[in-house]
Amino acid sequence: PAGSIYDSTRNFMIGAKNSQAPSDFYDGLIDEVRVWNVVRTATE
């Protein structure tokens, strides 16, 4: 959808979704999680 990302008050999560009833759990190792508010270039 076009427009700004919705400003939800719910938790940020790593490895699952839905802070009220967590589900869809990730299975494995995870490292170096990064969240940016810009478009990073291919070179970056």
Full PDB file with SEQRES, HELIX, SHEET, SSBOND, CRYST1, ORIGX, SCALE, CONECT and MASTER records, all heavy atoms in Angstrom:
SEQRES   1 A   44  PRO ALA GLY SER ILE TYR ASP SER THR ARG ASN PHE MET          
SEQRES   2 A   44  ILE GLY ALA LYS ASN SER GLN ALA PRO SER ASP PHE TYR          
SEQRES   3 A   44  ASP GLY LEU ILE ASP GLU VAL ARG VAL TRP ASN VAL VAL          
SEQRES   4 A   44  ARG THR ALA THR GLU                                          
CRYST1    1.000    1.000    1.000  90.00  90.00  90.00 P 1           1          
ORIGX1      1.000000  0.000000  0.000000        0.00000                         
ORIGX2      0.000000  1.000000  0.000000        0.00000                         
ORIGX3      0.000000  0.000000  1.000000        0.00000                         
SCALE1      1.000000  0.000000  0.000000        0.00000                         
SCALE2      0.000000  1.000000  0.000000        0.00000                         
SCALE3      0.000000  0.000000  1.000000        0.00000                         
ATOM      1  N   PRO A   1       0.824  -1.209   0.000  1.00  0.00           N  
ATOM      2  CA  PRO A   1       0.000   0.000   0.000  1.00  0.00           C  
ATOM      3  C   PRO A   1       0.860   1.263   0.000  1.00  0.00           C  
ATOM      4  O   PRO A   1       1.916   1.310   0.630  1.00  0.00           O  
ATOM      5  CB  PRO A   1      -0.796  -0.119   1.306  1.00  0.00           C  
ATOM      6  CG  PRO A   1       0.057  -0.970   2.185  1.00  0.00           C  
ATOM      7  CD  PRO A   1       0.741  -1.949   1.271  1.00  0.00           C  
ATOM      8  N   ALA A   2       0.419   2.284  -0.708  1.00  0.00           N  
ATOM      9  CA  ALA A   2       1.149   3.544  -0.769  1.00  0.00           C  
ATOM     10  C   ALA A   2       0.926   4.338   0.518  1.00  0.00           C  
ATOM     11  O   ALA A   2      -0.134   4.278   1.136  1.00  0.00           O  
ATOM     12  CB  ALA A   2       0.685   4.361  -1.969  1.00  0.00           C  
ATOM     13  N   GLY A   3       1.947   5.076   0.927  1.00  0.00           N  
ATOM     14  CA  GLY A   3       1.830   5.926   2.101  1.00  0.00           C  
ATOM     15  C   GLY A   3       2.758   5.511   3.213  1.00  0.00           C  
ATOM     16  O   GLY A   3       3.524   4.546   3.099  1.00  0.00           O  
ATOM     17  N   SER A   4       2.679   6.236   4.322  1.00  0.00           N  
ATOM     18  CA  SER A   4       3.564   6.000   5.457  1.00  0.00           C  
ATOM     19  C   SER A   4       3.227   4.699   6.174  1.00  0.00           C  
ATOM     20  O   SER A   4       2.056   4.303   6.254  1.00  0.00           O  
ATOM     21  CB  SER A   4       3.459   7.155   6.452  1.00  0.00           C  
ATOM     22  OG  SER A   4       3.951   8.349   5.887  1.00  0.00           O  
ATOM     23  N   ILE A   5       4.237   4.053   6.697  1.00  0.00           N  
ATOM     24  CA  ILE A   5       4.055   2.865   7.519  1.00  0.00           C  
ATOM     25  C   ILE A   5       3.234   3.231   8.751  1.00  0.00           C  
ATOM     26  O   ILE A   5       3.461   4.261   9.377  1.00  0.00           O  
ATOM     27  CB  ILE A   5       5.420   2.291   7.951  1.00  0.00           C  
ATOM     28  CG1 ILE A   5       6.212   1.855   6.723  1.00  0.00           C  
ATOM     29  CG2 ILE A   5       5.260   1.143   8.927  1.00  0.00           C  
ATOM     30  CD1 ILE A   5       7.662   1.551   7.006  1.00  0.00           C  
ATOM     31  N   TYR A   6       2.278   2.383   9.094  1.00  0.00           N  
ATOM     32  CA  TYR A   6       1.403   2.666  10.225  1.00  0.00           C  
ATOM     33  C   TYR A   6       2.183   2.676  11.540  1.00  0.00           C  
ATOM     34  O   TYR A   6       3.020   1.812  11.787  1.00  0.00           O  
ATOM     35  CB  TYR A   6       0.290   1.616  10.301  1.00  0.00           C  
ATOM     36  CG  TYR A   6      -0.681   1.860  11.427  1.00  0.00           C  
ATOM     37  CD1 TYR A   6      -1.617   2.876  11.332  1.00  0.00           C  
ATOM     38  CD2 TYR A   6      -0.646   1.087  12.589  1.00  0.00           C  
ATOM     39  CE1 TYR A   6      -2.515   3.117  12.366  1.00  0.00           C  
ATOM     40  CE2 TYR A   6      -1.531   1.324  13.621  1.00  0.00           C  
ATOM     41  CZ  TYR A   6      -2.464   2.339  13.506  1.00  0.00           C  
ATOM     42  OH  TYR A   6      -3.345   2.585  14.529  1.00  0.00           O  
ATOM     43  N   ASP A   7       1.880   3.655  12.371  1.00  0.00           N  
ATOM     44  CA  ASP A   7       2.561   3.821  13.661  1.00  0.00           C  
ATOM     45  C   ASP A   7       1.833   3.005  14.724  1.00  0.00           C  
ATOM     46  O   ASP A   7       1.065   3.522  15.523  1.00  0.00           O  
ATOM     47  CB  ASP A   7       2.607   5.299  14.041  1.00  0.00           C  
ATOM     48  CG  ASP A   7       3.407   5.553  15.310  1.00  0.00           C  
ATOM     49  OD1 ASP A   7       3.986   4.583  15.845  1.00  0.00           O  
ATOM     50  OD2 ASP A   7       3.444   6.710  15.760  1.00  0.00           O  
ATOM     51  N   SER A   8       2.094   1.698  14.731  1.00  0.00           N  
ATOM     52  CA  SER A   8       1.472   0.805  15.712  1.00  0.00           C  
ATOM     53  C   SER A   8       2.114   0.984  17.078  1.00  0.00           C  
ATOM     54  O   SER A   8       3.310   1.260  17.184  1.00  0.00           O  
ATOM     55  CB  SER A   8       1.614  -0.647  15.259  1.00  0.00           C  
ATOM     56  OG  SER A   8       1.264  -1.541  16.294  1.00  0.00           O  
ATOM     57  N   THR A   9       1.348   0.797  18.126  1.00  0.00           N  
ATOM     58  CA  THR A   9       1.885   0.864  19.494  1.00  0.00           C  
ATOM     59  C   THR A   9       2.311  -0.511  20.006  1.00  0.00           C  
ATOM     60  O   THR A   9       2.751  -0.635  21.145  1.00  0.00           O  
ATOM     61  CB  THR A   9       0.837   1.439  20.454  1.00  0.00           C  
ATOM     62  OG1 THR A   9      -0.324   0.592  20.451  1.00  0.00           O  
ATOM     63  CG2 THR A   9       0.436   2.851  20.041  1.00  0.00           C  
ATOM     64  N   ARG A  10       2.202  -1.536  19.168  1.00  0.00           N  
ATOM     65  CA  ARG A  10       2.543  -2.889  19.596  1.00  0.00           C  
ATOM     66  C   ARG A  10       4.055  -3.084  19.646  1.00  0.00           C  
ATOM     67  O   ARG A  10       4.828  -2.323  19.080  1.00  0.00           O  
ATOM     68  CB  ARG A  10       1.904  -3.916  18.659  1.00  0.00           C  
ATOM     69  CG  ARG A  10       0.393  -3.854  18.602  1.00  0.00           C  
ATOM     70  CD  ARG A  10      -0.230  -4.001  19.960  1.00  0.00           C  
ATOM     71  NE  ARG A  10      -1.686  -4.010  19.894  1.00  0.00           N  
ATOM     72  CZ  ARG A  10      -2.489  -3.938  20.938  1.00  0.00           C  
ATOM     73  NH1 ARG A  10      -1.960  -3.829  22.159  1.00  0.00           N  
ATOM     74  NH2 ARG A  10      -3.794  -3.952  20.804  1.00  0.00           N  
ATOM     75  N   ASN A  11       4.467  -4.154  20.296  1.00  0.00           N  
ATOM     76  CA  ASN A  11       5.886  -4.430  20.467  1.00  0.00           C  
ATOM     77  C   ASN A  11       6.592  -4.716  19.143  1.00  0.00           C  
ATOM     78  O   ASN A  11       5.996  -5.230  18.195  1.00  0.00           O  
ATOM     79  CB  ASN A  11       6.090  -5.648  21.374  1.00  0.00           C  
ATOM     80  CG  ASN A  11       5.725  -5.384  22.807  1.00  0.00           C  
ATOM     81  OD1 ASN A  11       5.625  -4.245  23.233  1.00  0.00           O  
ATOM     82  ND2 ASN A  11       5.518  -6.450  23.569  1.00  0.00           N  
ATOM     83  N   PHE A  12       7.870  -4.405  19.110  1.00  0.00           N  
ATOM     84  CA  PHE A  12       8.777  -4.860  18.077  1.00  0.00           C  
ATOM     85  C   PHE A  12       9.231  -6.264  18.470  1.00  0.00           C  
ATOM     86  O   PHE A  12       9.535  -6.515  19.640  1.00  0.00           O  
ATOM     87  CB  PHE A  12       9.973  -3.917  17.996  1.00  0.00           C  
ATOM     88  CG  PHE A  12      11.071  -4.365  17.077  1.00  0.00           C  
ATOM     89  CD1 PHE A  12      11.012  -4.107  15.725  1.00  0.00           C  
ATOM     90  CD2 PHE A  12      12.184  -5.041  17.588  1.00  0.00           C  
ATOM     91  CE1 PHE A  12      12.036  -4.511  14.875  1.00  0.00           C  
ATOM     92  CE2 PHE A  12      13.210  -5.444  16.748  1.00  0.00           C  
ATOM     93  CZ  PHE A  12      13.130  -5.183  15.386  1.00  0.00           C  
ATOM     94  N   MET A  13       9.272  -7.186  17.505  1.00  0.00           N  
ATOM     95  CA  MET A  13       9.569  -8.573  17.849  1.00  0.00           C  
ATOM     96  C   MET A  13      10.612  -9.171  16.915  1.00  0.00           C  
ATOM     97  O   MET A  13      10.670  -8.842  15.725  1.00  0.00           O  
ATOM     98  CB  MET A  13       8.294  -9.414  17.827  1.00  0.00           C  
ATOM     99  CG  MET A  13       7.227  -8.907  18.796  1.00  0.00           C  
ATOM    100  SD  MET A  13       5.743  -9.926  18.842  1.00  0.00           S  
ATOM    101  CE  MET A  13       6.340 -11.347  19.751  1.00  0.00           C  
ATOM    102  N   ILE A  14      11.416 -10.046  17.462  1.00  0.00           N  
ATOM    103  CA  ILE A  14      12.392 -10.824  16.704  1.00  0.00           C  
ATOM    104  C   ILE A  14      12.089 -12.293  16.950  1.00  0.00           C  
ATOM    105  O   ILE A  14      12.085 -12.754  18.094  1.00  0.00           O  
ATOM    106  CB  ILE A  14      13.827 -10.490  17.146  1.00  0.00           C  
ATOM    107  CG1 ILE A  14      14.173  -9.045  16.770  1.00  0.00           C  
ATOM    108  CG2 ILE A  14      14.833 -11.464  16.524  1.00  0.00           C  
ATOM    109  CD1 ILE A  14      15.552  -8.597  17.202  1.00  0.00           C  
ATOM    110  N   GLY A  15      11.769 -13.011  15.891  1.00  0.00           N  
ATOM    111  CA  GLY A  15      11.530 -14.446  16.001  1.00  0.00           C  
ATOM    112  C   GLY A  15      10.080 -14.862  16.119  1.00  0.00           C  
ATOM    113  O   GLY A  15       9.803 -16.057  16.247  1.00  0.00           O  
ATOM    114  N   ALA A  16       9.149 -13.914  16.066  1.00  0.00           N  
ATOM    115  CA  ALA A  16       7.727 -14.236  16.154  1.00  0.00           C  
ATOM    116  C   ALA A  16       6.927 -13.005  15.766  1.00  0.00           C  
ATOM    117  O   ALA A  16       7.475 -11.914  15.586  1.00  0.00           O  
ATOM    118  CB  ALA A  16       7.344 -14.693  17.562  1.00  0.00           C  
ATOM    119  N   LYS A  17       5.603 -13.174  15.666  1.00  0.00           N  
ATOM    120  CA  LYS A  17       4.713 -12.027  15.493  1.00  0.00           C  
ATOM    121  C   LYS A  17       3.644 -12.081  16.571  1.00  0.00           C  
ATOM    122  O   LYS A  17       3.438 -13.104  17.223  1.00  0.00           O  
ATOM    123  CB  LYS A  17       4.063 -12.027  14.110  1.00  0.00           C  
ATOM    124  CG  LYS A  17       2.998 -13.110  13.903  1.00  0.00           C  
ATOM    125  CD  LYS A  17       2.255 -12.908  12.586  1.00  0.00           C  
ATOM    126  CE  LYS A  17       1.135 -13.930  12.409  1.00  0.00           C  
ATOM    127  NZ  LYS A  17       0.359 -13.725  11.177  1.00  0.00           N  
ATOM    128  N   ASN A  18       2.967 -10.948  16.771  1.00  0.00           N  
ATOM    129  CA  ASN A  18       1.803 -10.833  17.645  1.00  0.00           C  
ATOM    130  C   ASN A  18       2.173 -10.922  19.125  1.00  0.00           C  
ATOM    131  O   ASN A  18       2.231 -12.002  19.708  1.00  0.00           O  
ATOM    132  CB  ASN A  18       0.740 -11.888  17.297  1.00  0.00           C  
ATOM    133  CG  ASN A  18      -0.601 -11.551  17.932  1.00  0.00           C  
ATOM    134  OD1 ASN A  18      -0.719 -10.597  18.703  1.00  0.00           O  
ATOM    135  ND2 ASN A  18      -1.611 -12.327  17.593  1.00  0.00           N  
ATOM    136  N   SER A  19       2.378  -9.769  19.743  1.00  0.00           N  
ATOM    137  CA  SER A  19       2.777  -9.743  21.153  1.00  0.00           C  
ATOM    138  C   SER A  19       1.666 -10.185  22.094  1.00  0.00           C  
ATOM    139  O   SER A  19       1.938 -10.571  23.231  1.00  0.00           O  
ATOM    140  CB  SER A  19       3.234  -8.332  21.540  1.00  0.00           C  
ATOM    141  OG  SER A  19       2.214  -7.389  21.305  1.00  0.00           O  
ATOM    142  N   GLN A  20       0.404 -10.144  21.652  1.00  0.00           N  
ATOM    143  CA  GLN A  20      -0.690 -10.581  22.516  1.00  0.00           C  
ATOM    144  C   GLN A  20      -0.802 -12.102  22.555  1.00  0.00           C  
ATOM    145  O   GLN A  20      -1.099 -12.686  23.599  1.00  0.00           O  
ATOM    146  CB  GLN A  20      -2.008  -9.962  22.040  1.00  0.00           C  
ATOM    147  CG  GLN A  20      -2.064  -8.448  22.241  1.00  0.00           C  
ATOM    148  CD  GLN A  20      -3.425  -7.894  21.917  1.00  0.00           C  
ATOM    149  OE1 GLN A  20      -4.122  -8.374  21.025  1.00  0.00           O  
ATOM    150  NE2 GLN A  20      -3.819  -6.856  22.636  1.00  0.00           N  
ATOM    151  N   ALA A  21      -0.563 -12.739  21.420  1.00  0.00           N  
ATOM    152  CA  ALA A  21      -0.601 -14.206  21.341  1.00  0.00           C  
ATOM    153  C   ALA A  21       0.466 -14.636  20.346  1.00  0.00           C  
ATOM    154  O   ALA A  21       0.173 -14.918  19.188  1.00  0.00           O  
ATOM    155  CB  ALA A  21      -1.978 -14.695  20.907  1.00  0.00           C  
ATOM    156  N   PRO A  22       1.736 -14.667  20.768  1.00  0.00           N  
ATOM    157  CA  PRO A  22       2.841 -14.927  19.841  1.00  0.00           C  
ATOM    158  C   PRO A  22       2.650 -16.194  19.008  1.00  0.00           C  
ATOM    159  O   PRO A  22       2.176 -17.226  19.494  1.00  0.00           O  
ATOM    160  CB  PRO A  22       4.050 -15.039  20.777  1.00  0.00           C  
ATOM    161  CG  PRO A  22       3.678 -14.198  21.949  1.00  0.00           C  
ATOM    162  CD  PRO A  22       2.212 -14.419  22.145  1.00  0.00           C  
ATOM    163  N   SER A  23       3.040 -16.096  17.736  1.00  0.00           N  
ATOM    164  CA  SER A  23       2.878 -17.217  16.816  1.00  0.00           C  
ATOM    165  C   SER A  23       3.906 -17.084  15.699  1.00  0.00           C  
ATOM    166  O   SER A  23       4.695 -16.143  15.670  1.00  0.00           O  
ATOM    167  CB  SER A  23       1.467 -17.222  16.224  1.00  0.00           C  
ATOM    168  OG  SER A  23       1.237 -16.032  15.473  1.00  0.00           O  
ATOM    169  N   ASP A  24       3.903 -18.037  14.764  1.00  0.00           N  
ATOM    170  CA  ASP A  24       4.787 -18.015  13.599  1.00  0.00           C  
ATOM    171  C   ASP A  24       6.241 -17.837  14.028  1.00  0.00           C  
ATOM    172  O   ASP A  24       6.932 -16.921  13.575  1.00  0.00           O  
ATOM    173  CB  ASP A  24       4.358 -16.921  12.619  1.00  0.00           C  
ATOM    174  CG  ASP A  24       2.978 -17.146  12.047  1.00  0.00           C  
ATOM    175  OD1 ASP A  24       2.885 -17.840  11.023  1.00  0.00           O  
ATOM    176  OD2 ASP A  24       2.004 -16.655  12.642  1.00  0.00           O  
ATOM    177  N   PHE A  25       6.687 -18.743  14.884  1.00  0.00           N  
ATOM    178  CA  PHE A  25       8.026 -18.642  15.467  1.00  0.00           C  
ATOM    179  C   PHE A  25       9.106 -19.008  14.450  1.00  0.00           C  
ATOM    180  O   PHE A  25       8.962 -19.965  13.689  1.00  0.00           O  
ATOM    181  CB  PHE A  25       8.131 -19.553  16.696  1.00  0.00           C  
ATOM    182  CG  PHE A  25       7.161 -19.201  17.784  1.00  0.00           C  
ATOM    183  CD1 PHE A  25       5.986 -19.911  17.934  1.00  0.00           C  
ATOM    184  CD2 PHE A  25       7.417 -18.142  18.643  1.00  0.00           C  
ATOM    185  CE1 PHE A  25       5.081 -19.587  18.941  1.00  0.00           C  
ATOM    186  CE2 PHE A  25       6.523 -17.805  19.645  1.00  0.00           C  
ATOM    187  CZ  PHE A  25       5.351 -18.524  19.789  1.00  0.00           C  
ATOM    188  N   TYR A  26      10.175 -18.265  14.493  1.00  0.00           N  
ATOM    189  CA  TYR A  26      11.352 -18.510  13.661  1.00  0.00           C  
ATOM    190  C   TYR A  26      12.175 -19.641  14.275  1.00  0.00           C  
ATOM    191  O   TYR A  26      12.267 -19.762  15.501  1.00  0.00           O  
ATOM    192  CB  TYR A  26      12.179 -17.223  13.581  1.00  0.00           C  
ATOM    193  CG  TYR A  26      13.540 -17.385  12.959  1.00  0.00           C  
ATOM    194  CD1 TYR A  26      13.691 -17.358  11.576  1.00  0.00           C  
ATOM    195  CD2 TYR A  26      14.671 -17.547  13.750  1.00  0.00           C  
ATOM    196  CE1 TYR A  26      14.950 -17.498  10.998  1.00  0.00           C  
ATOM    197  CE2 TYR A  26      15.926 -17.692  13.185  1.00  0.00           C  
ATOM    198  CZ  TYR A  26      16.058 -17.667  11.808  1.00  0.00           C  
ATOM    199  OH  TYR A  26      17.303 -17.804  11.252  1.00  0.00           O  
ATOM    200  N   ASP A  27      12.793 -20.444  13.428  1.00  0.00           N  
ATOM    201  CA  ASP A  27      13.573 -21.591  13.902  1.00  0.00           C  
ATOM    202  C   ASP A  27      14.992 -21.514  13.347  1.00  0.00           C  
ATOM    203  O   ASP A  27      15.223 -21.811  12.169  1.00  0.00           O  
ATOM    204  CB  ASP A  27      12.908 -22.890  13.455  1.00  0.00           C  
ATOM    205  CG  ASP A  27      13.533 -24.120  14.097  1.00  0.00           C  
ATOM    206  OD1 ASP A  27      14.109 -23.990  15.196  1.00  0.00           O  
ATOM    207  OD2 ASP A  27      13.434 -25.214  13.504  1.00  0.00           O  
ATOM    208  N   GLY A  28      15.924 -21.090  14.191  1.00  0.00           N  
ATOM    209  CA  GLY A  28      17.311 -21.023  13.752  1.00  0.00           C  
ATOM    210  C   GLY A  28      18.090 -19.940  14.465  1.00  0.00           C  
ATOM    211  O   GLY A  28      17.639 -19.366  15.467  1.00  0.00           O  
ATOM    212  N   LEU A  29      19.276 -19.648  13.951  1.00  0.00           N  
ATOM    213  CA  LEU A  29      20.132 -18.612  14.504  1.00  0.00           C  
ATOM    214  C   LEU A  29      19.848 -17.281  13.803  1.00  0.00           C  
ATOM    215  O   LEU A  29      19.453 -17.256  12.626  1.00  0.00           O  
ATOM    216  CB  LEU A  29      21.600 -18.977  14.320  1.00  0.00           C  
ATOM    217  CG  LEU A  29      22.073 -20.297  14.936  1.00  0.00           C  
ATOM    218  CD1 LEU A  29      23.513 -20.565  14.553  1.00  0.00           C  
ATOM    219  CD2 LEU A  29      21.921 -20.280  16.440  1.00  0.00           C  
ATOM    220  N   ILE A  30      20.072 -16.201  14.532  1.00  0.00           N  
ATOM    221  CA  ILE A  30      19.902 -14.866  13.966  1.00  0.00           C  
ATOM    222  C   ILE A  30      20.948 -13.949  14.577  1.00  0.00           C  
ATOM    223  O   ILE A  30      21.315 -14.075  15.746  1.00  0.00           O  
ATOM    224  CB  ILE A  30      18.465 -14.338  14.217  1.00  0.00           C  
ATOM    225  CG1 ILE A  30      18.250 -13.008  13.506  1.00  0.00           C  
ATOM    226  CG2 ILE A  30      18.168 -14.225  15.706  1.00  0.00           C  
ATOM    227  CD1 ILE A  30      16.785 -12.607  13.449  1.00  0.00           C  
ATOM    228  N   ASP A  31      21.437 -13.026  13.762  1.00  0.00           N  
ATOM    229  CA  ASP A  31      22.490 -12.133  14.226  1.00  0.00           C  
ATOM    230  C   ASP A  31      22.421 -10.817  13.452  1.00  0.00           C  
ATOM    231  O   ASP A  31      21.804 -10.738  12.373  1.00  0.00           O  
ATOM    232  CB  ASP A  31      23.865 -12.787  14.014  1.00  0.00           C  
ATOM    233  CG  ASP A  31      24.960 -12.162  14.868  1.00  0.00           C  
ATOM    234  OD1 ASP A  31      24.643 -11.386  15.785  1.00  0.00           O  
ATOM    235  OD2 ASP A  31      26.143 -12.462  14.625  1.00  0.00           O  
ATOM    236  N   GLU A  32      23.052  -9.791  14.008  1.00  0.00           N  
ATOM    237  CA  GLU A  32      23.234  -8.510  13.332  1.00  0.00           C  
ATOM    238  C   GLU A  32      21.925  -7.960  12.752  1.00  0.00           C  
ATOM    239  O   GLU A  32      21.815  -7.654  11.567  1.00  0.00           O  
ATOM    240  CB  GLU A  32      24.284  -8.646  12.234  1.00  0.00           C  
ATOM    241  CG  GLU A  32      25.693  -8.819  12.754  1.00  0.00           C  
ATOM    242  CD  GLU A  32      26.264  -7.543  13.377  1.00  0.00           C  
ATOM    243  OE1 GLU A  32      26.171  -6.468  12.755  1.00  0.00           O  
ATOM    244  OE2 GLU A  32      26.793  -7.634  14.508  1.00  0.00           O  
ATOM    245  N   VAL A  33      20.919  -7.812  13.600  1.00  0.00           N  
ATOM    246  CA  VAL A  33      19.637  -7.243  13.182  1.00  0.00           C  
ATOM    247  C   VAL A  33      19.745  -5.726  13.136  1.00  0.00           C  
ATOM    248  O   VAL A  33      20.136  -5.095  14.126  1.00  0.00           O  
ATOM    249  CB  VAL A  33      18.507  -7.681  14.132  1.00  0.00           C  
ATOM    250  CG1 VAL A  33      17.224  -6.920  13.834  1.00  0.00           C  
ATOM    251  CG2 VAL A  33      18.281  -9.180  14.028  1.00  0.00           C  
ATOM    252  N   ARG A  34      19.380  -5.141  12.004  1.00  0.00           N  
ATOM    253  CA  ARG A  34      19.496  -3.696  11.803  1.00  0.00           C  
ATOM    254  C   ARG A  34      18.203  -3.140  11.219  1.00  0.00           C  
ATOM    255  O   ARG A  34      17.662  -3.694  10.263  1.00  0.00           O  
ATOM    256  CB  ARG A  34      20.663  -3.380  10.857  1.00  0.00           C  
ATOM    257  CG  ARG A  34      21.987  -3.989  11.318  1.00  0.00           C  
ATOM    258  CD  ARG A  34      23.066  -3.916  10.252  1.00  0.00           C  
ATOM    259  NE  ARG A  34      24.290  -4.585  10.702  1.00  0.00           N  
ATOM    260  CZ  ARG A  34      25.405  -4.682   9.976  1.00  0.00           C  
ATOM    261  NH1 ARG A  34      25.448  -4.160   8.756  1.00  0.00           N  
ATOM    262  NH2 ARG A  34      26.477  -5.295  10.472  1.00  0.00           N  
ATOM    263  N   VAL A  35      17.733  -2.048  11.796  1.00  0.00           N  
ATOM    264  CA  VAL A  35      16.537  -1.359  11.318  1.00  0.00           C  
ATOM    265  C   VAL A  35      16.924   0.074  10.993  1.00  0.00           C  
ATOM    266  O   VAL A  35      17.424   0.803  11.857  1.00  0.00           O  
ATOM    267  CB  VAL A  35      15.413  -1.375  12.371  1.00  0.00           C  
ATOM    268  CG1 VAL A  35      14.179  -0.634  11.851  1.00  0.00           C  
ATOM    269  CG2 VAL A  35      15.046  -2.808  12.761  1.00  0.00           C  
ATOM    270  N   TRP A  36      16.692   0.476   9.749  1.00  0.00           N  
ATOM    271  CA  TRP A  36      17.013   1.828   9.284  1.00  0.00           C  
ATOM    272  C   TRP A  36      15.731   2.512   8.829  1.00  0.00           C  
ATOM    273  O   TRP A  36      14.822   1.859   8.310  1.00  0.00           O  
ATOM    274  CB  TRP A  36      17.973   1.784   8.097  1.00  0.00           C  
ATOM    275  CG  TRP A  36      19.202   0.953   8.247  1.00  0.00           C  
ATOM    276  CD1 TRP A  36      19.304  -0.407   8.115  1.00  0.00           C  
ATOM    277  CD2 TRP A  36      20.523   1.418   8.529  1.00  0.00           C  
ATOM    278  NE1 TRP A  36      20.605  -0.818   8.299  1.00  0.00           N  
ATOM    279  CE2 TRP A  36      21.383   0.282   8.547  1.00  0.00           C  
ATOM    280  CE3 TRP A  36      21.079   2.688   8.750  1.00  0.00           C  
ATOM    281  CZ2 TRP A  36      22.748   0.378   8.781  1.00  0.00           C  
ATOM    282  CZ3 TRP A  36      22.444   2.778   8.980  1.00  0.00           C  
ATOM    283  CH2 TRP A  36      23.258   1.641   9.000  1.00  0.00           C  
ATOM    284  N   ASN A  37      15.672   3.832   8.936  1.00  0.00           N  
ATOM    285  CA  ASN A  37      14.488   4.557   8.450  1.00  0.00           C  
ATOM    286  C   ASN A  37      14.729   5.202   7.096  1.00  0.00           C  
ATOM    287  O   ASN A  37      14.014   6.124   6.700  1.00  0.00           O  
ATOM    288  CB  ASN A  37      14.029   5.601   9.470  1.00  0.00           C  
ATOM    289  CG  ASN A  37      15.054   6.701   9.704  1.00  0.00           C  
ATOM    290  OD1 ASN A  37      16.145   6.691   9.132  1.00  0.00           O  
ATOM    291  ND2 ASN A  37      14.708   7.665  10.556  1.00  0.00           N  
ATOM    292  N   VAL A  38      15.718   4.704   6.366  1.00  0.00           N  
ATOM    293  CA  VAL A  38      16.025   5.164   5.015  1.00  0.00           C  
ATOM    294  C   VAL A  38      16.234   3.956   4.112  1.00  0.00           C  
ATOM    295  O   VAL A  38      16.341   2.819   4.582  1.00  0.00           O  
ATOM    296  CB  VAL A  38      17.306   6.040   4.981  1.00  0.00           C  
ATOM    297  CG1 VAL A  38      17.086   7.333   5.743  1.00  0.00           C  
ATOM    298  CG2 VAL A  38      18.502   5.268   5.525  1.00  0.00           C  
ATOM    299  N   VAL A  39      16.301   4.210   2.820  1.00  0.00           N  
ATOM    300  CA  VAL A  39      16.658   3.161   1.864  1.00  0.00           C  
ATOM    301  C   VAL A  39      18.175   3.096   1.775  1.00  0.00           C  
ATOM    302  O   VAL A  39      18.835   4.042   1.337  1.00  0.00           O  
ATOM    303  CB  VAL A  39      16.067   3.469   0.471  1.00  0.00           C  
ATOM    304  CG1 VAL A  39      16.576   2.454  -0.548  1.00  0.00           C  
ATOM    305  CG2 VAL A  39      14.545   3.451   0.529  1.00  0.00           C  
ATOM    306  N   ARG A  40      18.747   2.004   2.228  1.00  0.00           N  
ATOM    307  CA  ARG A  40      20.182   1.800   2.098  1.00  0.00           C  
ATOM    308  C   ARG A  40      20.503   1.430   0.646  1.00  0.00           C  
ATOM    309  O   ARG A  40      19.753   0.697  -0.007  1.00  0.00           O  
ATOM    310  CB  ARG A  40      20.647   0.681   3.024  1.00  0.00           C  
ATOM    311  CG  ARG A  40      20.443   0.974   4.497  1.00  0.00           C  
ATOM    312  CD  ARG A  40      21.496   1.914   5.032  1.00  0.00           C  
ATOM    313  NE  ARG A  40      22.762   1.213   5.258  1.00  0.00           N  
ATOM    314  CZ  ARG A  40      23.889   1.828   5.596  1.00  0.00           C  
ATOM    315  NH1 ARG A  40      23.929   3.145   5.683  1.00  0.00           N  
ATOM    316  NH2 ARG A  40      24.991   1.128   5.812  1.00  0.00           N  
ATOM    317  N   THR A  41      21.616   1.929   0.150  1.00  0.00           N  
ATOM    318  CA  THR A  41      21.996   1.632  -1.226  1.00  0.00           C  
ATOM    319  C   THR A  41      22.536   0.211  -1.332  1.00  0.00           C  
ATOM    320  O   THR A  41      22.925  -0.413  -0.342  1.00  0.00           O  
ATOM    321  CB  THR A  41      23.066   2.609  -1.719  1.00  0.00           C  
ATOM    322  OG1 THR A  41      24.289   2.364  -1.012  1.00  0.00           O  
ATOM    323  CG2 THR A  41      22.632   4.054  -1.510  1.00  0.00           C  
ATOM    324  N   ALA A  42      22.575  -0.276  -2.564  1.00  0.00           N  
ATOM    325  CA  ALA A  42      23.120  -1.605  -2.798  1.00  0.00           C  
ATOM    326  C   ALA A  42      24.569  -1.689  -2.334  1.00  0.00           C  
ATOM    327  O   ALA A  42      24.994  -2.704  -1.753  1.00  0.00           O  
ATOM    328  CB  ALA A  42      23.014  -1.954  -4.285  1.00  0.00           C  
ATOM    329  N   THR A  43      25.328  -0.630  -2.545  1.00  0.00           N  
ATOM    330  CA  THR A  43      26.727  -0.611  -2.131  1.00  0.00           C  
ATOM    331  C   THR A  43      26.851  -0.648  -0.618  1.00  0.00           C  
ATOM    332  O   THR A  43      27.694  -1.374  -0.059  1.00  0.00           O  
ATOM    333  CB  THR A  43      27.433   0.641  -2.675  1.00  0.00           C  
ATOM    334  OG1 THR A  43      27.390   0.614  -4.105  1.00  0.00           O  
ATOM    335  CG2 THR A  43      28.880   0.703  -2.214  1.00  0.00           C  
ATOM    336  N   GLU A  44      26.013   0.115   0.072  1.00  0.00           N  
ATOM    337  CA  GLU A  44      26.057   0.132   1.537  1.00  0.00           C  
ATOM    338  C   GLU A  44      25.713  -1.232   2.117  1.00  0.00           C  
ATOM    339  O   GLU A  44      26.362  -1.707   3.062  1.00  0.00           O  
ATOM    340  CB  GLU A  44      25.092   1.194   2.067  1.00  0.00           C  
ATOM    341  CG  GLU A  44      25.580   2.613   1.841  1.00  0.00           C  
ATOM    342  CD  GLU A  44      24.515   3.648   2.145  1.00  0.00           C  
ATOM    343  OE1 GLU A  44      23.314   3.339   2.026  1.00  0.00           O  
ATOM    344  OE2 GLU A  44      24.893   4.779   2.506  1.00  0.00           O  
TER     345      GLU A  44                                                      
MASTER        0    0    0    0    0    0    0    6  344    1    0    4          
END                                                                             
